[in-house]
C-alpha atoms as a PDB file:
ATOM      1  CA  MET A   1    -128.418  -4.828 -35.113  1.00  0.00           C
ATOM      2  CA  ASP A   2    -127.324  -5.557 -38.679  1.00  0.00           C
ATOM      3  CA  LEU A   3    -130.233  -6.293 -41.039  1.00  0.00           C
ATOM      4  CA  PHE A   4    -128.073  -8.498 -43.285  1.00  0.00           C
ATOM      5  CA  ARG A   5    -126.268 -10.303 -40.441  1.00  0.00           C
ATOM      6  CA  PRO A   6    -128.772 -10.413 -37.530  1.00  0.00           C
ATOM      7  CA  ALA A   7    -127.332 -13.546 -35.881  1.00  0.00           C
ATOM      8  CA  ILE A   8    -124.039 -14.299 -34.120  1.00  0.00           C
ATOM      9  CA  LEU A   9    -121.702 -17.071 -35.304  1.00  0.00           C
ATOM     10  CA  SER A  10    -119.453 -18.294 -32.494  1.00  0.00           C
ATOM     11  CA  TRP A  11    -116.790 -20.950 -31.993  1.00  0.00           C
ATOM     12  CA  THR A  12    -113.742 -21.519 -29.812  1.00  0.00           C
ATOM     13  CA  THR A  13    -110.306 -21.607 -31.414  1.00  0.00           C
ATOM     14  CA  PRO A  14    -108.136 -24.635 -30.619  1.00  0.00           C
ATOM     15  CA  GLY A  15    -105.948 -24.196 -27.556  1.00  0.00           C
ATOM     16  CA  THR A  16    -102.501 -25.531 -26.787  1.00  0.00           C
ATOM     17  CA  PRO A  17    -102.125 -28.494 -24.434  1.00  0.00           C
ATOM     18  CA  GLY A  18     -99.789 -28.164 -21.464  1.00  0.00           C
ATOM     19  CA  GLY A  19     -96.846 -30.389 -20.704  1.00  0.00           C
ATOM     20  CA  GLU A  20     -93.144 -30.131 -20.067  1.00  0.00           C
ATOM     21  CA  ASP A  21     -90.288 -28.686 -22.099  1.00  0.00           C
ATOM     22  CA  GLU A  22     -87.015 -30.508 -22.821  1.00  0.00           C
ATOM     23  CA  ASN A  23     -85.616 -29.448 -19.410  1.00  0.00           C
ATOM     24  CA  GLY A  24     -88.607 -30.764 -17.476  1.00  0.00           C
ATOM     25  CA  PHE A  25     -90.116 -27.361 -16.747  1.00  0.00           C
ATOM     26  CA  PRO A  26     -93.916 -27.215 -16.910  1.00  0.00           C
ATOM     27  CA  ILE A  27     -95.568 -25.530 -19.874  1.00  0.00           C
ATOM     28  CA  PRO A  28     -99.017 -24.190 -19.002  1.00  0.00           C
ATOM     29  CA  GLU A  29    -102.066 -25.085 -21.069  1.00  0.00           C
ATOM     30  CA  ILE A  30    -103.357 -22.242 -23.229  1.00  0.00           C
ATOM     31  CA  PRO A  31    -107.137 -22.427 -23.647  1.00  0.00           C
ATOM     32  CA  GLY A  32    -108.883 -21.565 -26.909  1.00  0.00           C
ATOM     33  CA  VAL A  33    -110.406 -18.145 -27.497  1.00  0.00           C
ATOM     34  CA  LEU A  34    -114.126 -17.565 -28.089  1.00  0.00           C
ATOM     35  CA  VAL A  35    -114.707 -15.896 -31.477  1.00  0.00           C
ATOM     36  CA  GLN A  36    -118.016 -14.198 -32.312  1.00  0.00           C
ATOM     37  CA  VAL A  37    -118.914 -12.574 -35.634  1.00  0.00           C
ATOM     38  CA  PRO A  38    -122.169 -11.221 -37.112  1.00  0.00           C
ATOM     39  CA  ALA A  39    -123.757 -13.779 -39.423  1.00  0.00           C
ATOM     40  CA  ARG A  40    -126.918 -14.897 -41.165  1.00  0.00           C
ATOM     41  CA  PHE A  41    -128.228 -18.480 -41.069  1.00  0.00           C
ATOM     42  CA  VAL A  42    -130.230 -19.895 -43.972  1.00  0.00           C
ATOM     43  CA  SER A  43    -131.937 -23.185 -43.170  1.00  0.00           C
ATOM     44  CA  GLY A  44    -132.037 -26.127 -45.576  1.00  0.00           C
ATOM     45  CA  GLY A  45    -129.916 -27.376 -48.417  1.00  0.00           C
ATOM     46  CA  THR A  46    -129.504 -30.320 -50.743  1.00  0.00           C
ATOM     47  CA  LYS A  47    -125.879 -31.340 -50.179  1.00  0.00           C
ATOM     48  CA  THR A  48    -124.630 -34.423 -48.401  1.00  0.00           C
ATOM     49  CA  PHE A  49    -121.286 -34.499 -46.618  1.00  0.00           C
ATOM     50  CA  LYS A  50    -119.106 -37.134 -45.011  1.00  0.00           C
ATOM     51  CA  ASN A  51    -118.301 -36.352 -41.405  1.00  0.00           C
ATOM     52  CA  GLU A  52    -115.062 -37.220 -39.581  1.00  0.00           C
ATOM     53  CA  ASP A  53    -116.241 -40.849 -39.252  1.00  0.00           C
ATOM     54  CA  SER A  54    -117.055 -41.073 -42.998  1.00  0.00           C
ATOM     55  CA  ILE A  55    -120.788 -41.206 -42.270  1.00  0.00           C
ATOM     56  CA  GLU A  56    -122.961 -39.291 -44.742  1.00  0.00           C
ATOM     57  CA  VAL A  57    -124.953 -36.411 -43.245  1.00  0.00           C
ATOM     58  CA  VAL A  58    -127.499 -34.120 -44.907  1.00  0.00           C
ATOM     59  CA  GLN A  59    -126.931 -30.366 -45.031  1.00  0.00           C
ATOM     60  CA  ASN A  60    -128.771 -28.405 -42.323  1.00  0.00           C
ATOM     61  CA  GLY A  61    -128.154 -24.964 -43.735  1.00  0.00           C
ATOM     62  CA  ARG A  62    -125.680 -22.281 -44.692  1.00  0.00           C
ATOM     63  CA  ILE A  63    -124.025 -19.600 -42.563  1.00  0.00           C
ATOM     64  CA  ARG A  64    -122.973 -16.361 -44.250  1.00  0.00           C
ATOM     65  CA  PHE A  65    -120.618 -13.852 -42.648  1.00  0.00           C
ATOM     66  CA  ASP A  66    -118.321 -10.987 -43.663  1.00  0.00           C
ATOM     67  CA  ALA A  67    -115.096 -11.784 -45.510  1.00  0.00           C
ATOM     68  CA  GLY A  68    -111.821 -11.421 -43.631  1.00  0.00           C
ATOM     69  CA  GLY A  69    -110.792 -12.421 -40.165  1.00  0.00           C
ATOM     70  CA  THR A  70    -110.746 -15.794 -38.476  1.00  0.00           C
ATOM     71  CA  VAL A  71    -112.727 -18.807 -39.676  1.00  0.00           C
ATOM     72  CA  PRO A  72    -113.427 -22.070 -37.857  1.00  0.00           C
ATOM     73  CA  LEU A  73    -111.735 -25.292 -38.903  1.00  0.00           C
ATOM     74  CA  LYS A  74    -113.562 -27.985 -40.847  1.00  0.00           C
ATOM     75  CA  TYR A  75    -115.580 -30.218 -38.451  1.00  0.00           C
ATOM     76  CA  GLN A  76    -115.195 -27.669 -35.637  1.00  0.00           C
ATOM     77  CA  ILE A  77    -118.369 -27.095 -33.624  1.00  0.00           C
ATOM     78  CA  VAL A  78    -119.994 -23.753 -34.454  1.00  0.00           C
ATOM     79  CA  ARG A  79    -123.084 -22.111 -32.989  1.00  0.00           C
ATOM     80  CA  VAL A  80    -125.433 -19.581 -34.591  1.00  0.00           C
ATOM     81  CA  THR A  81    -127.716 -17.635 -32.269  1.00  0.00           C
ATOM     82  CA  GLU A  82    -130.099 -14.728 -32.661  1.00  0.00           C
ATOM     83  CA  GLY A  83    -131.057 -13.380 -29.266  1.00  0.00           C
ATOM     84  CA  ASP A  84    -132.213 -16.390 -27.208  1.00  0.00           C
ATOM     85  CA  ARG A  85    -132.895 -18.512 -30.294  1.00  0.00           C
ATOM     86  CA  VAL A  86    -130.298 -21.087 -31.372  1.00  0.00           C
ATOM     87  CA  HIS A  87    -130.484 -21.537 -35.158  1.00  0.00           C
ATOM     88  CA  PHE A  88    -127.756 -24.171 -35.366  1.00  0.00           C
ATOM     89  CA  GLU A  89    -125.125 -25.904 -33.267  1.00  0.00           C
ATOM     90  CA  GLY A  90    -122.891 -28.533 -34.825  1.00  0.00           C
ATOM     91  CA  PRO A  91    -119.862 -29.140 -37.031  1.00  0.00           C
ATOM     92  CA  ALA A  92    -118.796 -26.934 -39.924  1.00  0.00           C
ATOM     93  CA  MET A  93    -118.828 -29.286 -42.925  1.00  0.00           C
ATOM     94  CA  GLU A  94    -117.512 -27.049 -45.756  1.00  0.00           C
ATOM     95  CA  ILE A  95    -115.898 -23.626 -45.477  1.00  0.00           C
ATOM     96  CA  TYR A  96    -115.763 -21.261 -48.469  1.00  0.00           C
ATOM     97  CA  THR A  97    -113.373 -18.291 -48.232  1.00  0.00           C
ATOM     98  CA  GLY A  98    -111.456 -16.141 -50.645  1.00  0.00           C
ATOM     99  CA  GLY A  99    -112.754 -14.666 -53.861  1.00  0.00           C
ATOM    100  CA  HIS A 100    -116.141 -13.889 -52.325  1.00  0.00           C
ATOM    101  CA  LEU A 101    -116.472 -10.119 -52.135  1.00  0.00           C
ATOM    102  CA  LYS A 102    -119.892 -10.246 -50.499  1.00  0.00           C
ATOM    103  CA  GLY A 103    -118.719 -12.507 -47.695  1.00  0.00           C
ATOM    104  CA  TRP A 104    -117.713 -16.010 -46.777  1.00  0.00           C
ATOM    105  CA  ARG A 105    -119.920 -19.000 -46.003  1.00  0.00           C
ATOM    106  CA  ILE A 106    -119.970 -22.238 -44.083  1.00  0.00           C
ATOM    107  CA  ASP A 107    -122.168 -25.149 -45.096  1.00  0.00           C
ATOM    108  CA  VAL A 108    -123.438 -27.099 -42.095  1.00  0.00           C
END
């Protein structure tokens, strides 16, 4: 267990819908992939965000995780767990990457 990142941040990447190609042959659906990375959740915050429906929501907290790798999309549902405890489950409101040597963060 990592002392600085004791929780697990997880989300599912967007998949590809199925259908047919230009010749009428079926194209199978490709489901999203579950991504899990070590993280730390800090509860609270003072920011307000507008969600996808332009409704203002208050910040629930901040998720910190190591720089590099895959990040969720804005408004994508993320989940932060530590053992059996769920710290947060909901949309990612702001994602901060690049230029942060100590790690990246998501405001939720």
